[in-house]
Amino acid sequence: MPTLFAAGPGSQWSARKAAKRQAAFTMVEIAIALGVIAFALIAIIGILPAGLQTSRDNREETIINQDARLLVEAIKSGGRDLSSDLGAFVVAANGVPTPGGIPTAQLVQLLTDTTGNRIVLSAISGAVVNRGNDFGLQYQVTNDVRRLPEFDNTPLSNQVFEVRLRFAWPISAAGTIGSEANRYVVRTVLSGIYNTNNGFFYAQQYERANFP
């Protein structure tokens, strides 16, 4: 008959110690885990700037789209909304700074001038805290007003015009537009009065402003 030996306290401690050694991570496993974590962090840090740039581009495009609608509606209404402050966001016109902006009616005149103008505005839409200050988005609007040939030889030949507004952004600190700038074009067809005395067309019957 075989002899049985009872396991003493010492043998139980040895078994628990062996189990702990078996459950631990080796240095190789720890090194691999740290390598995976480092690779993941590098990937996240590399993608993060691209994601932030995409978010910024989308926000700027949204602002330009909303501002374009506001300017087109101002042109259609002839700038007669006395409560409108769109002209206050004009930073410069044809290279001439306009501190404090200009009247909205004058802005409409510039946008519908057949000779074309380059107007720099600060973002009208977007966050209120950034509206009208140097930290907000600024963009340049170039207008192009042309008579529609479809109405030649008709009573409307000098009363229907196509207005195109070309938006370009961002603007450098020197006030110039780079070749890599974003661009957006909006167009509308307007009926208005063409003043044969000075050669300018306005959505409403305005006299040309004394503006450079």
N, C-alpha and C. Protein backbone atom coordinates (compact mmCIF):
# COMPACT_ATOMS: atom_id res chain seq x y z
N MET A 1 0.85 -1.19 0.00
CA MET A 1 0.00 0.00 0.00
C MET A 1 0.89 1.24 0.00
N PRO A 2 0.67 2.19 -0.99
CA PRO A 2 1.52 3.37 -1.07
C PRO A 2 1.34 4.29 0.11
N THR A 3 2.41 4.98 0.42
CA THR A 3 2.37 5.90 1.55
C THR A 3 1.93 7.27 1.06
N LEU A 4 0.95 7.89 1.72
CA LEU A 4 0.43 9.20 1.37
C LEU A 4 1.05 10.24 2.28
N PHE A 5 1.47 11.36 1.69
CA PHE A 5 2.04 12.46 2.47
C PHE A 5 1.12 13.67 2.38
N ALA A 6 0.78 14.24 3.48
CA ALA A 6 -0.07 15.44 3.50
C ALA A 6 0.75 16.65 3.11
N ALA A 7 0.11 17.49 2.33
CA ALA A 7 0.79 18.71 1.89
C ALA A 7 0.84 19.71 3.02
N GLY A 8 2.00 20.14 3.38
CA GLY A 8 2.17 21.09 4.46
C GLY A 8 2.06 22.52 3.99
N PRO A 9 2.16 23.48 4.88
CA PRO A 9 2.08 24.90 4.53
C PRO A 9 3.16 25.31 3.55
N GLY A 10 4.35 24.72 3.66
CA GLY A 10 5.43 25.09 2.76
C GLY A 10 5.13 24.73 1.33
N SER A 11 4.55 23.57 1.11
CA SER A 11 4.23 23.15 -0.26
C SER A 11 3.14 24.01 -0.87
N GLN A 12 2.14 24.44 -0.08
CA GLN A 12 1.09 25.33 -0.59
C GLN A 12 1.66 26.68 -1.01
N TRP A 13 2.61 27.20 -0.24
CA TRP A 13 3.25 28.49 -0.59
C TRP A 13 4.03 28.37 -1.87
N SER A 14 4.69 27.24 -2.05
CA SER A 14 5.46 27.02 -3.29
C SER A 14 4.54 26.96 -4.50
N ALA A 15 3.37 26.33 -4.33
CA ALA A 15 2.42 26.23 -5.45
C ALA A 15 1.88 27.60 -5.84
N ARG A 16 1.56 28.43 -4.82
CA ARG A 16 1.06 29.77 -5.12
C ARG A 16 2.14 30.61 -5.79
N LYS A 17 3.38 30.47 -5.36
CA LYS A 17 4.48 31.22 -5.95
C LYS A 17 4.69 30.83 -7.40
N ALA A 18 4.58 29.54 -7.66
CA ALA A 18 4.73 29.07 -9.04
C ALA A 18 3.61 29.60 -9.92
N ALA A 19 2.37 29.66 -9.36
CA ALA A 19 1.23 30.17 -10.14
C ALA A 19 1.42 31.64 -10.47
N LYS A 20 1.95 32.41 -9.52
CA LYS A 20 2.20 33.82 -9.78
C LYS A 20 3.24 34.01 -10.87
N ARG A 21 4.29 33.17 -10.83
CA ARG A 21 5.32 33.27 -11.87
C ARG A 21 4.74 32.96 -13.25
N GLN A 22 3.83 32.03 -13.32
CA GLN A 22 3.24 31.66 -14.59
C GLN A 22 2.31 32.76 -15.12
N ALA A 23 1.65 33.55 -14.27
CA ALA A 23 0.70 34.58 -14.70
C ALA A 23 1.37 35.90 -15.06
N ALA A 24 2.62 36.10 -14.80
CA ALA A 24 3.31 37.36 -15.06
C ALA A 24 3.67 37.51 -16.53
N PHE A 25 3.93 38.80 -16.97
CA PHE A 25 4.36 39.08 -18.34
C PHE A 25 5.87 39.02 -18.42
N THR A 26 6.34 38.54 -19.52
CA THR A 26 7.78 38.54 -19.74
C THR A 26 8.22 39.89 -20.28
N MET A 27 9.50 40.15 -20.25
CA MET A 27 10.02 41.41 -20.77
C MET A 27 9.77 41.55 -22.26
N VAL A 28 9.79 40.45 -22.98
CA VAL A 28 9.51 40.50 -24.42
C VAL A 28 8.08 40.94 -24.67
N GLU A 29 7.14 40.42 -23.90
CA GLU A 29 5.73 40.80 -24.07
C GLU A 29 5.52 42.27 -23.72
N ILE A 30 6.17 42.72 -22.67
CA ILE A 30 6.05 44.13 -22.30
C ILE A 30 6.62 45.03 -23.39
N ALA A 31 7.74 44.64 -23.96
CA ALA A 31 8.35 45.44 -25.04
C ALA A 31 7.45 45.49 -26.26
N ILE A 32 6.82 44.37 -26.59
CA ILE A 32 5.90 44.34 -27.74
C ILE A 32 4.70 45.25 -27.48
N ALA A 33 4.14 45.19 -26.26
CA ALA A 33 2.99 46.03 -25.92
C ALA A 33 3.34 47.52 -26.01
N LEU A 34 4.51 47.87 -25.50
CA LEU A 34 4.94 49.27 -25.58
C LEU A 34 5.15 49.70 -27.03
N GLY A 35 5.65 48.81 -27.86
CA GLY A 35 5.83 49.13 -29.27
C GLY A 35 4.51 49.37 -29.97
N VAL A 36 3.50 48.54 -29.66
CA VAL A 36 2.17 48.72 -30.25
C VAL A 36 1.56 50.06 -29.82
N ILE A 37 1.70 50.38 -28.53
CA ILE A 37 1.16 51.65 -28.03
C ILE A 37 1.86 52.84 -28.70
N ALA A 38 3.17 52.75 -28.82
CA ALA A 38 3.92 53.84 -29.46
C ALA A 38 3.51 54.01 -30.92
N PHE A 39 3.32 52.90 -31.63
CA PHE A 39 2.89 52.97 -33.03
C PHE A 39 1.51 53.61 -33.14
N ALA A 40 0.60 53.25 -32.23
CA ALA A 40 -0.75 53.82 -32.25
C ALA A 40 -0.70 55.33 -31.98
N LEU A 41 0.13 55.74 -31.03
CA LEU A 41 0.23 57.17 -30.72
C LEU A 41 0.80 57.95 -31.90
N ILE A 42 1.80 57.39 -32.56
CA ILE A 42 2.38 58.07 -33.73
C ILE A 42 1.35 58.21 -34.83
N ALA A 43 0.54 57.16 -35.04
CA ALA A 43 -0.49 57.22 -36.07
C ALA A 43 -1.54 58.27 -35.74
N ILE A 44 -1.96 58.33 -34.47
CA ILE A 44 -2.97 59.31 -34.06
C ILE A 44 -2.43 60.73 -34.20
N ILE A 45 -1.20 60.95 -33.75
CA ILE A 45 -0.61 62.28 -33.85
C ILE A 45 -0.43 62.69 -35.31
N GLY A 46 -0.14 61.73 -36.18
CA GLY A 46 0.02 62.06 -37.59
C GLY A 46 -1.28 62.39 -38.28
N ILE A 47 -2.37 61.75 -37.87
CA ILE A 47 -3.68 61.98 -38.50
C ILE A 47 -4.37 63.21 -37.93
N LEU A 48 -4.08 63.55 -36.68
CA LEU A 48 -4.79 64.65 -36.00
C LEU A 48 -4.69 65.97 -36.75
N PRO A 49 -3.52 66.42 -37.21
CA PRO A 49 -3.47 67.70 -37.95
C PRO A 49 -4.32 67.69 -39.21
N ALA A 50 -4.33 66.56 -39.93
CA ALA A 50 -5.15 66.48 -41.14
C ALA A 50 -6.63 66.59 -40.79
N GLY A 51 -7.04 65.96 -39.69
CA GLY A 51 -8.43 66.06 -39.27
C GLY A 51 -8.81 67.47 -38.87
N LEU A 52 -7.92 68.16 -38.16
CA LEU A 52 -8.18 69.54 -37.77
C LEU A 52 -8.26 70.46 -38.99
N GLN A 53 -7.38 70.23 -39.98
CA GLN A 53 -7.40 71.04 -41.19
C GLN A 53 -8.68 70.82 -41.98
N THR A 54 -9.13 69.57 -42.05
CA THR A 54 -10.39 69.28 -42.74
C THR A 54 -11.56 69.96 -42.06
N SER A 55 -11.57 69.92 -40.72
CA SER A 55 -12.64 70.59 -39.98
C SER A 55 -12.61 72.09 -40.22
N ARG A 56 -11.42 72.67 -40.26
CA ARG A 56 -11.30 74.11 -40.51
C ARG A 56 -11.77 74.46 -41.91
N ASP A 57 -11.39 73.65 -42.90
CA ASP A 57 -11.81 73.91 -44.28
C ASP A 57 -13.33 73.84 -44.41
N ASN A 58 -13.94 72.85 -43.77
CA ASN A 58 -15.40 72.72 -43.83
C ASN A 58 -16.08 73.92 -43.18
N ARG A 59 -15.53 74.39 -42.07
CA ARG A 59 -16.12 75.55 -41.40
C ARG A 59 -16.00 76.79 -42.27
N GLU A 60 -14.86 76.99 -42.91
CA GLU A 60 -14.67 78.16 -43.78
C GLU A 60 -15.59 78.09 -44.99
N GLU A 61 -15.75 76.91 -45.59
CA GLU A 61 -16.64 76.78 -46.74
C GLU A 61 -18.08 77.07 -46.34
N THR A 62 -18.47 76.65 -45.15
CA THR A 62 -19.83 76.94 -44.67
C THR A 62 -20.03 78.44 -44.50
N ILE A 63 -19.04 79.13 -43.94
CA ILE A 63 -19.14 80.58 -43.76
C ILE A 63 -19.23 81.28 -45.11
N ILE A 64 -18.40 80.88 -46.08
CA ILE A 64 -18.43 81.50 -47.40
C ILE A 64 -19.78 81.28 -48.06
N ASN A 65 -20.32 80.09 -47.95
CA ASN A 65 -21.61 79.79 -48.56
C ASN A 65 -22.71 80.65 -47.95
N GLN A 66 -22.71 80.81 -46.64
CA GLN A 66 -23.73 81.63 -45.98
C GLN A 66 -23.56 83.11 -46.32
N ASP A 67 -22.33 83.59 -46.34
CA ASP A 67 -22.09 85.00 -46.68
C ASP A 67 -22.47 85.29 -48.13
N ALA A 68 -22.22 84.33 -49.02
CA ALA A 68 -22.59 84.52 -50.43
C ALA A 68 -24.09 84.71 -50.57
N ARG A 69 -24.86 83.94 -49.84
CA ARG A 69 -26.32 84.10 -49.88
C ARG A 69 -26.74 85.47 -49.37
N LEU A 70 -26.10 85.93 -48.30
CA LEU A 70 -26.45 87.24 -47.76
C LEU A 70 -26.15 88.35 -48.76
N LEU A 71 -25.01 88.27 -49.43
CA LEU A 71 -24.64 89.31 -50.39
C LEU A 71 -25.56 89.29 -51.61
N VAL A 72 -25.92 88.10 -52.07
CA VAL A 72 -26.84 88.01 -53.22
C VAL A 72 -28.20 88.59 -52.86
N GLU A 73 -28.69 88.28 -51.67
CA GLU A 73 -29.97 88.83 -51.25
C GLU A 73 -29.89 90.35 -51.10
N ALA A 74 -28.75 90.86 -50.63
CA ALA A 74 -28.59 92.31 -50.52
C ALA A 74 -28.62 92.96 -51.90
N ILE A 75 -28.01 92.30 -52.89
CA ILE A 75 -28.03 92.83 -54.26
C ILE A 75 -29.45 92.84 -54.80
N LYS A 76 -30.19 91.77 -54.57
CA LYS A 76 -31.56 91.68 -55.08
C LYS A 76 -32.47 92.72 -54.45
N SER A 77 -32.23 93.01 -53.17
CA SER A 77 -33.07 94.00 -52.49
C SER A 77 -32.58 95.42 -52.72
N GLY A 78 -31.45 95.57 -53.38
CA GLY A 78 -30.92 96.91 -53.64
C GLY A 78 -30.29 97.56 -52.45
N GLY A 79 -30.04 96.80 -51.39
CA GLY A 79 -29.40 97.37 -50.21
C GLY A 79 -30.26 98.38 -49.49
N ARG A 80 -31.57 98.26 -49.63
CA ARG A 80 -32.46 99.26 -49.02
C ARG A 80 -32.88 98.90 -47.60
N ASP A 81 -32.39 97.76 -47.11
CA ASP A 81 -32.69 97.38 -45.74
C ASP A 81 -31.83 98.22 -44.80
N LEU A 82 -32.45 99.20 -44.18
CA LEU A 82 -31.69 100.13 -43.34
C LEU A 82 -31.12 99.46 -42.10
N SER A 83 -31.69 98.32 -41.70
CA SER A 83 -31.19 97.62 -40.52
C SER A 83 -30.00 96.72 -40.83
N SER A 84 -29.67 96.57 -42.10
CA SER A 84 -28.56 95.70 -42.50
C SER A 84 -27.23 96.38 -42.22
N ASP A 85 -26.28 95.59 -41.72
CA ASP A 85 -24.95 96.13 -41.44
C ASP A 85 -23.88 95.43 -42.25
N LEU A 86 -24.24 94.91 -43.42
CA LEU A 86 -23.27 94.17 -44.22
C LEU A 86 -22.07 95.02 -44.59
N GLY A 87 -22.30 96.30 -44.84
CA GLY A 87 -21.19 97.18 -45.21
C GLY A 87 -20.17 97.36 -44.11
N ALA A 88 -20.57 97.11 -42.86
CA ALA A 88 -19.64 97.27 -41.75
C ALA A 88 -18.55 96.21 -41.76
N PHE A 89 -18.73 95.14 -42.54
CA PHE A 89 -17.74 94.07 -42.58
C PHE A 89 -16.74 94.25 -43.72
N VAL A 90 -16.85 95.35 -44.46
CA VAL A 90 -15.90 95.61 -45.55
C VAL A 90 -14.58 96.10 -44.95
N VAL A 91 -13.51 95.39 -45.27
CA VAL A 91 -12.18 95.73 -44.77
C VAL A 91 -11.44 96.63 -45.74
N ALA A 92 -11.60 96.37 -47.04
CA ALA A 92 -10.92 97.17 -48.06
C ALA A 92 -11.67 97.02 -49.37
N ALA A 93 -11.53 98.01 -50.23
CA ALA A 93 -12.15 97.97 -51.56
C ALA A 93 -11.13 98.46 -52.57
N ASN A 94 -10.82 97.59 -53.54
CA ASN A 94 -9.84 97.92 -54.58
C ASN A 94 -8.50 98.35 -53.98
N GLY A 95 -8.11 97.68 -52.90
CA GLY A 95 -6.83 97.97 -52.27
C GLY A 95 -6.83 99.13 -51.31
N VAL A 96 -7.96 99.80 -51.14
CA VAL A 96 -8.05 100.95 -50.23
C VAL A 96 -8.70 100.50 -48.93
N PRO A 97 -8.01 100.58 -47.78
CA PRO A 97 -8.62 100.19 -46.51
C PRO A 97 -9.84 101.03 -46.18
N THR A 98 -10.81 100.40 -45.55
CA THR A 98 -12.05 101.10 -45.16
C THR A 98 -12.29 100.90 -43.67
N PRO A 99 -11.57 101.59 -42.82
CA PRO A 99 -11.79 101.43 -41.37
C PRO A 99 -13.23 101.76 -41.00
N GLY A 100 -13.85 100.87 -40.26
CA GLY A 100 -15.24 101.09 -39.88
C GLY A 100 -16.24 100.66 -40.91
N GLY A 101 -15.78 100.18 -42.07
CA GLY A 101 -16.70 99.70 -43.09
C GLY A 101 -17.28 100.83 -43.93
N ILE A 102 -18.28 100.47 -44.74
CA ILE A 102 -18.96 101.43 -45.61
C ILE A 102 -20.46 101.19 -45.51
N PRO A 103 -21.30 102.11 -45.97
CA PRO A 103 -22.74 101.86 -45.97
C PRO A 103 -23.09 100.64 -46.83
N THR A 104 -24.11 99.92 -46.43
CA THR A 104 -24.52 98.72 -47.17
C THR A 104 -24.93 99.07 -48.59
N ALA A 105 -25.60 100.20 -48.80
CA ALA A 105 -25.99 100.61 -50.15
C ALA A 105 -24.76 100.80 -51.03
N GLN A 106 -23.69 101.31 -50.46
CA GLN A 106 -22.47 101.51 -51.23
C GLN A 106 -21.82 100.17 -51.57
N LEU A 107 -21.91 99.21 -50.65
CA LEU A 107 -21.40 97.87 -50.93
C LEU A 107 -22.15 97.24 -52.09
N VAL A 108 -23.47 97.42 -52.13
CA VAL A 108 -24.27 96.88 -53.23
C VAL A 108 -23.87 97.54 -54.55
N GLN A 109 -23.61 98.82 -54.52
CA GLN A 109 -23.16 99.52 -55.73
C GLN A 109 -21.86 98.93 -56.25
N LEU A 110 -20.94 98.65 -55.35
CA LEU A 110 -19.66 98.08 -55.77
C LEU A 110 -19.83 96.68 -56.34
N LEU A 111 -20.72 95.90 -55.73
CA LEU A 111 -20.92 94.52 -56.18
C LEU A 111 -21.63 94.45 -57.53
N THR A 112 -22.36 95.48 -57.91
CA THR A 112 -23.10 95.48 -59.17
C THR A 112 -22.49 96.42 -60.20
N ASP A 113 -21.29 96.88 -59.95
CA ASP A 113 -20.60 97.77 -60.87
C ASP A 113 -20.06 96.97 -62.05
N THR A 114 -20.36 97.40 -63.27
CA THR A 114 -19.94 96.64 -64.45
C THR A 114 -18.43 96.70 -64.68
N THR A 115 -17.73 97.64 -64.07
CA THR A 115 -16.28 97.71 -64.24
C THR A 115 -15.55 96.68 -63.39
N GLY A 116 -16.22 96.12 -62.40
CA GLY A 116 -15.60 95.12 -61.53
C GLY A 116 -14.86 95.74 -60.37
N ASN A 117 -14.95 95.11 -59.22
CA ASN A 117 -14.29 95.60 -58.02
C ASN A 117 -13.76 94.42 -57.22
N ARG A 118 -12.74 94.69 -56.42
CA ARG A 118 -12.18 93.70 -55.51
C ARG A 118 -12.43 94.19 -54.08
N ILE A 119 -13.25 93.45 -53.37
CA ILE A 119 -13.68 93.86 -52.04
C ILE A 119 -13.25 92.79 -51.04
N VAL A 120 -12.60 93.22 -49.98
CA VAL A 120 -12.18 92.32 -48.91
C VAL A 120 -13.15 92.50 -47.74
N LEU A 121 -13.71 91.39 -47.29
CA LEU A 121 -14.65 91.42 -46.17
C LEU A 121 -14.20 90.45 -45.10
N SER A 122 -14.54 90.77 -43.86
CA SER A 122 -14.40 89.81 -42.78
C SER A 122 -15.68 88.99 -42.70
N ALA A 123 -15.59 87.80 -42.17
CA ALA A 123 -16.72 86.88 -42.17
C ALA A 123 -17.93 87.48 -41.49
N ILE A 124 -19.06 87.42 -42.18
CA ILE A 124 -20.32 87.91 -41.62
C ILE A 124 -20.98 86.83 -40.78
N SER A 125 -20.93 85.61 -41.26
CA SER A 125 -21.50 84.47 -40.54
C SER A 125 -20.45 83.88 -39.59
N GLY A 126 -20.80 82.75 -38.99
CA GLY A 126 -19.87 82.09 -38.09
C GLY A 126 -20.04 82.53 -36.65
N ALA A 127 -19.04 82.24 -35.83
CA ALA A 127 -19.10 82.55 -34.41
C ALA A 127 -19.17 84.06 -34.18
N VAL A 128 -20.02 84.46 -33.26
CA VAL A 128 -20.19 85.88 -32.98
C VAL A 128 -18.90 86.49 -32.45
N VAL A 129 -18.15 85.73 -31.69
CA VAL A 129 -16.92 86.27 -31.09
C VAL A 129 -15.88 86.61 -32.14
N ASN A 130 -15.97 85.97 -33.33
CA ASN A 130 -14.99 86.23 -34.39
C ASN A 130 -15.49 87.19 -35.45
N ARG A 131 -16.71 87.66 -35.33
CA ARG A 131 -17.26 88.52 -36.37
C ARG A 131 -16.60 89.89 -36.37
N GLY A 132 -16.12 90.27 -37.53
CA GLY A 132 -15.61 91.62 -37.70
C GLY A 132 -14.29 91.92 -37.04
N ASN A 133 -13.54 90.91 -36.61
CA ASN A 133 -12.23 91.19 -36.02
C ASN A 133 -11.13 90.54 -36.85
N ASP A 134 -9.90 90.84 -36.49
CA ASP A 134 -8.75 90.36 -37.27
C ASP A 134 -8.52 88.87 -37.12
N PHE A 135 -9.12 88.25 -36.11
CA PHE A 135 -8.91 86.82 -35.89
C PHE A 135 -9.88 85.97 -36.69
N GLY A 136 -10.92 86.56 -37.23
CA GLY A 136 -11.89 85.82 -38.01
C GLY A 136 -11.44 85.64 -39.45
N LEU A 137 -12.22 84.89 -40.19
CA LEU A 137 -11.92 84.63 -41.60
C LEU A 137 -12.14 85.89 -42.43
N GLN A 138 -11.20 86.18 -43.31
CA GLN A 138 -11.34 87.27 -44.27
C GLN A 138 -11.23 86.70 -45.68
N TYR A 139 -12.00 87.25 -46.59
CA TYR A 139 -12.01 86.75 -47.96
C TYR A 139 -12.18 87.91 -48.93
N GLN A 140 -11.86 87.66 -50.18
CA GLN A 140 -11.97 88.67 -51.23
C GLN A 140 -13.10 88.30 -52.18
N VAL A 141 -13.90 89.29 -52.52
CA VAL A 141 -14.99 89.11 -53.49
C VAL A 141 -14.68 89.95 -54.72
N THR A 142 -14.68 89.31 -55.87
CA THR A 142 -14.50 90.00 -57.15
C THR A 142 -15.79 89.85 -57.94
N ASN A 143 -16.38 90.95 -58.35
CA ASN A 143 -17.66 90.89 -59.05
C ASN A 143 -17.46 90.98 -60.56
N ASP A 144 -18.38 90.37 -61.28
CA ASP A 144 -18.38 90.39 -62.74
C ASP A 144 -19.82 90.53 -63.20
N VAL A 145 -20.16 91.68 -63.77
CA VAL A 145 -21.53 91.98 -64.20
C VAL A 145 -21.54 92.09 -65.72
N ARG A 146 -22.38 91.27 -66.36
CA ARG A 146 -22.44 91.26 -67.82
C ARG A 146 -23.89 91.21 -68.29
N ARG A 147 -24.09 91.85 -69.43
CA ARG A 147 -25.42 91.82 -70.04
C ARG A 147 -25.64 90.45 -70.67
N LEU A 148 -26.85 89.92 -70.55
CA LEU A 148 -27.17 88.62 -71.12
C LEU A 148 -27.48 88.75 -72.61
N PRO A 149 -26.75 88.05 -73.47
CA PRO A 149 -27.00 88.18 -74.91
C PRO A 149 -28.33 87.59 -75.34
N GLU A 150 -28.93 86.75 -74.50
CA GLU A 150 -30.21 86.15 -74.87
C GLU A 150 -31.31 87.19 -75.04
N PHE A 151 -31.12 88.37 -74.45
CA PHE A 151 -32.15 89.39 -74.52
C PHE A 151 -31.81 90.49 -75.53
N ASP A 152 -30.86 90.23 -76.40
CA ASP A 152 -30.56 91.21 -77.46
C ASP A 152 -31.76 91.42 -78.36
N ASN A 153 -31.89 92.66 -78.83
CA ASN A 153 -32.98 93.03 -79.73
C ASN A 153 -34.35 92.86 -79.08
N THR A 154 -34.39 93.02 -77.76
CA THR A 154 -35.66 93.00 -77.03
C THR A 154 -35.70 94.22 -76.12
N PRO A 155 -36.88 94.57 -75.62
CA PRO A 155 -36.96 95.72 -74.70
C PRO A 155 -36.14 95.53 -73.43
N LEU A 156 -35.75 94.28 -73.13
CA LEU A 156 -34.98 94.01 -71.92
C LEU A 156 -33.48 93.91 -72.18
N SER A 157 -33.05 94.33 -73.36
CA SER A 157 -31.65 94.15 -73.73
C SER A 157 -30.68 94.87 -72.80
N ASN A 158 -31.11 95.97 -72.20
CA ASN A 158 -30.23 96.71 -71.29
C ASN A 158 -30.74 96.69 -69.85
N GLN A 159 -31.56 95.68 -69.53
CA GLN A 159 -32.15 95.63 -68.19
C GLN A 159 -31.95 94.30 -67.49
N VAL A 160 -31.44 93.29 -68.17
CA VAL A 160 -31.21 91.98 -67.55
C VAL A 160 -29.72 91.68 -67.60
N PHE A 161 -29.15 91.40 -66.43
CA PHE A 161 -27.71 91.20 -66.32
C PHE A 161 -27.43 89.98 -65.46
N GLU A 162 -26.30 89.38 -65.73
CA GLU A 162 -25.81 88.28 -64.90
C GLU A 162 -24.73 88.82 -63.97
N VAL A 163 -24.87 88.53 -62.69
CA VAL A 163 -23.91 88.97 -61.69
C VAL A 163 -23.20 87.74 -61.13
N ARG A 164 -21.90 87.75 -61.22
CA ARG A 164 -21.09 86.67 -60.65
C ARG A 164 -20.19 87.24 -59.56
N LEU A 165 -20.19 86.54 -58.44
CA LEU A 165 -19.32 86.92 -57.32
C LEU A 165 -18.32 85.79 -57.10
N ARG A 166 -17.06 86.12 -57.21
CA ARG A 166 -15.99 85.13 -57.02
C ARG A 166 -15.35 85.35 -55.66
N PHE A 167 -15.44 84.35 -54.83
CA PHE A 167 -14.87 84.40 -53.48
C PHE A 167 -13.52 83.68 -53.47
N ALA A 168 -12.54 84.27 -52.80
CA ALA A 168 -11.22 83.65 -52.65
C ALA A 168 -10.74 83.87 -51.23
N TRP A 169 -10.18 82.84 -50.64
CA TRP A 169 -9.69 82.89 -49.26
C TRP A 169 -8.69 81.78 -49.05
N PRO A 170 -7.85 81.85 -48.02
CA PRO A 170 -7.69 82.96 -47.07
C PRO A 170 -6.83 84.08 -47.66
N ILE A 171 -6.84 85.20 -46.97
CA ILE A 171 -6.06 86.36 -47.39
C ILE A 171 -4.81 86.45 -46.51
N SER A 172 -3.68 86.69 -47.14
CA SER A 172 -2.43 86.78 -46.40
C SER A 172 -2.38 88.07 -45.59
N ALA A 173 -1.37 88.17 -44.74
CA ALA A 173 -1.21 89.39 -43.93
C ALA A 173 -0.98 90.62 -44.78
N ALA A 174 -0.44 90.41 -45.99
CA ALA A 174 -0.20 91.53 -46.90
C ALA A 174 -1.44 91.90 -47.70
N GLY A 175 -2.53 91.17 -47.49
CA GLY A 175 -3.77 91.46 -48.20
C GLY A 175 -3.85 90.87 -49.58
N THR A 176 -3.03 89.87 -49.88
CA THR A 176 -3.01 89.25 -51.20
C THR A 176 -3.61 87.85 -51.15
N ILE A 177 -3.96 87.35 -52.35
CA ILE A 177 -4.50 86.01 -52.49
C ILE A 177 -3.45 85.13 -53.15
N GLY A 178 -3.12 84.01 -52.52
CA GLY A 178 -2.13 83.11 -53.08
C GLY A 178 -2.72 82.19 -54.13
N SER A 179 -1.84 81.53 -54.87
CA SER A 179 -2.30 80.61 -55.92
C SER A 179 -2.98 79.39 -55.34
N GLU A 180 -2.70 79.07 -54.08
CA GLU A 180 -3.31 77.91 -53.44
C GLU A 180 -4.61 78.24 -52.72
N ALA A 181 -5.12 79.44 -52.91
CA ALA A 181 -6.32 79.87 -52.20
C ALA A 181 -7.54 79.07 -52.64
N ASN A 182 -8.49 78.94 -51.73
CA ASN A 182 -9.77 78.31 -52.05
C ASN A 182 -10.63 79.30 -52.82
N ARG A 183 -11.48 78.78 -53.69
CA ARG A 183 -12.31 79.65 -54.52
C ARG A 183 -13.73 79.11 -54.59
N TYR A 184 -14.65 80.06 -54.69
CA TYR A 184 -16.08 79.72 -54.75
C TYR A 184 -16.77 80.79 -55.59
N VAL A 185 -17.67 80.37 -56.47
CA VAL A 185 -18.36 81.30 -57.37
C VAL A 185 -19.86 81.14 -57.19
N VAL A 186 -20.54 82.27 -57.07
CA VAL A 186 -22.00 82.28 -57.01
C VAL A 186 -22.50 83.24 -58.08
N ARG A 187 -23.60 82.90 -58.71
CA ARG A 187 -24.13 83.74 -59.79
C ARG A 187 -25.63 83.90 -59.62
N THR A 188 -26.13 85.02 -60.15
CA THR A 188 -27.56 85.28 -60.15
C THR A 188 -27.88 86.20 -61.32
N VAL A 189 -29.12 86.19 -61.73
CA VAL A 189 -29.59 87.04 -62.82
C VAL A 189 -30.48 88.12 -62.23
N LEU A 190 -30.19 89.37 -62.59
CA LEU A 190 -30.92 90.50 -62.04
C LEU A 190 -31.48 91.37 -63.16
N SER A 191 -32.58 91.98 -62.86
CA SER A 191 -33.11 93.02 -63.75
C SER A 191 -32.95 94.34 -63.03
N GLY A 192 -32.43 95.31 -63.73
CA GLY A 192 -32.19 96.61 -63.11
C GLY A 192 -32.11 97.69 -64.15
N ILE A 193 -31.55 98.79 -63.76
CA ILE A 193 -31.47 99.98 -64.62
C ILE A 193 -30.02 100.23 -64.97
N TYR A 194 -29.78 100.39 -66.25
CA TYR A 194 -28.44 100.69 -66.73
C TYR A 194 -28.36 102.18 -67.03
N ASN A 195 -27.49 102.86 -66.32
CA ASN A 195 -27.35 104.30 -66.45
C ASN A 195 -26.39 104.61 -67.60
N THR A 196 -26.93 105.12 -68.69
CA THR A 196 -26.10 105.41 -69.86
C THR A 196 -25.21 106.64 -69.65
N ASN A 197 -25.50 107.44 -68.63
CA ASN A 197 -24.69 108.63 -68.39
C ASN A 197 -23.31 108.29 -67.83
N ASN A 198 -23.27 107.30 -66.95
CA ASN A 198 -21.97 106.94 -66.37
C ASN A 198 -21.55 105.51 -66.71
N GLY A 199 -22.42 104.75 -67.37
CA GLY A 199 -22.05 103.40 -67.81
C GLY A 199 -22.06 102.36 -66.73
N PHE A 200 -22.84 102.57 -65.67
CA PHE A 200 -22.89 101.61 -64.58
C PHE A 200 -24.30 101.06 -64.43
N PHE A 201 -24.33 99.80 -64.01
CA PHE A 201 -25.61 99.13 -63.78
C PHE A 201 -25.77 98.88 -62.29
N TYR A 202 -26.97 99.14 -61.78
CA TYR A 202 -27.28 98.86 -60.39
C TYR A 202 -28.62 98.12 -60.32
N ALA A 203 -28.73 97.27 -59.31
CA ALA A 203 -29.98 96.53 -59.15
C ALA A 203 -31.15 97.47 -58.94
N GLN A 204 -30.89 98.59 -58.32
CA GLN A 204 -31.88 99.66 -58.18
C GLN A 204 -31.25 100.92 -58.76
N GLN A 205 -32.01 101.98 -58.86
CA GLN A 205 -31.52 103.20 -59.50
C GLN A 205 -30.69 104.00 -58.50
N TYR A 206 -29.38 103.69 -58.47
CA TYR A 206 -28.45 104.40 -57.61
C TYR A 206 -27.56 105.28 -58.46
N GLU A 207 -27.03 106.29 -57.86
CA GLU A 207 -25.95 107.05 -58.48
C GLU A 207 -24.64 106.45 -58.00
N ARG A 208 -23.66 106.43 -58.84
CA ARG A 208 -22.38 105.83 -58.48
C ARG A 208 -21.77 106.60 -57.31
N ALA A 209 -21.29 105.83 -56.33
CA ALA A 209 -20.70 106.45 -55.14
C ALA A 209 -19.33 107.01 -55.46
N ASN A 210 -18.97 108.07 -54.77
CA ASN A 210 -17.63 108.64 -54.92
C ASN A 210 -16.65 107.81 -54.10
N PHE A 211 -16.31 106.66 -54.66
CA PHE A 211 -15.48 105.71 -53.94
C PHE A 211 -14.40 105.22 -54.87
N PRO A 212 -13.16 105.12 -54.42
CA PRO A 212 -12.07 104.71 -55.30
C PRO A 212 -12.26 103.29 -55.80
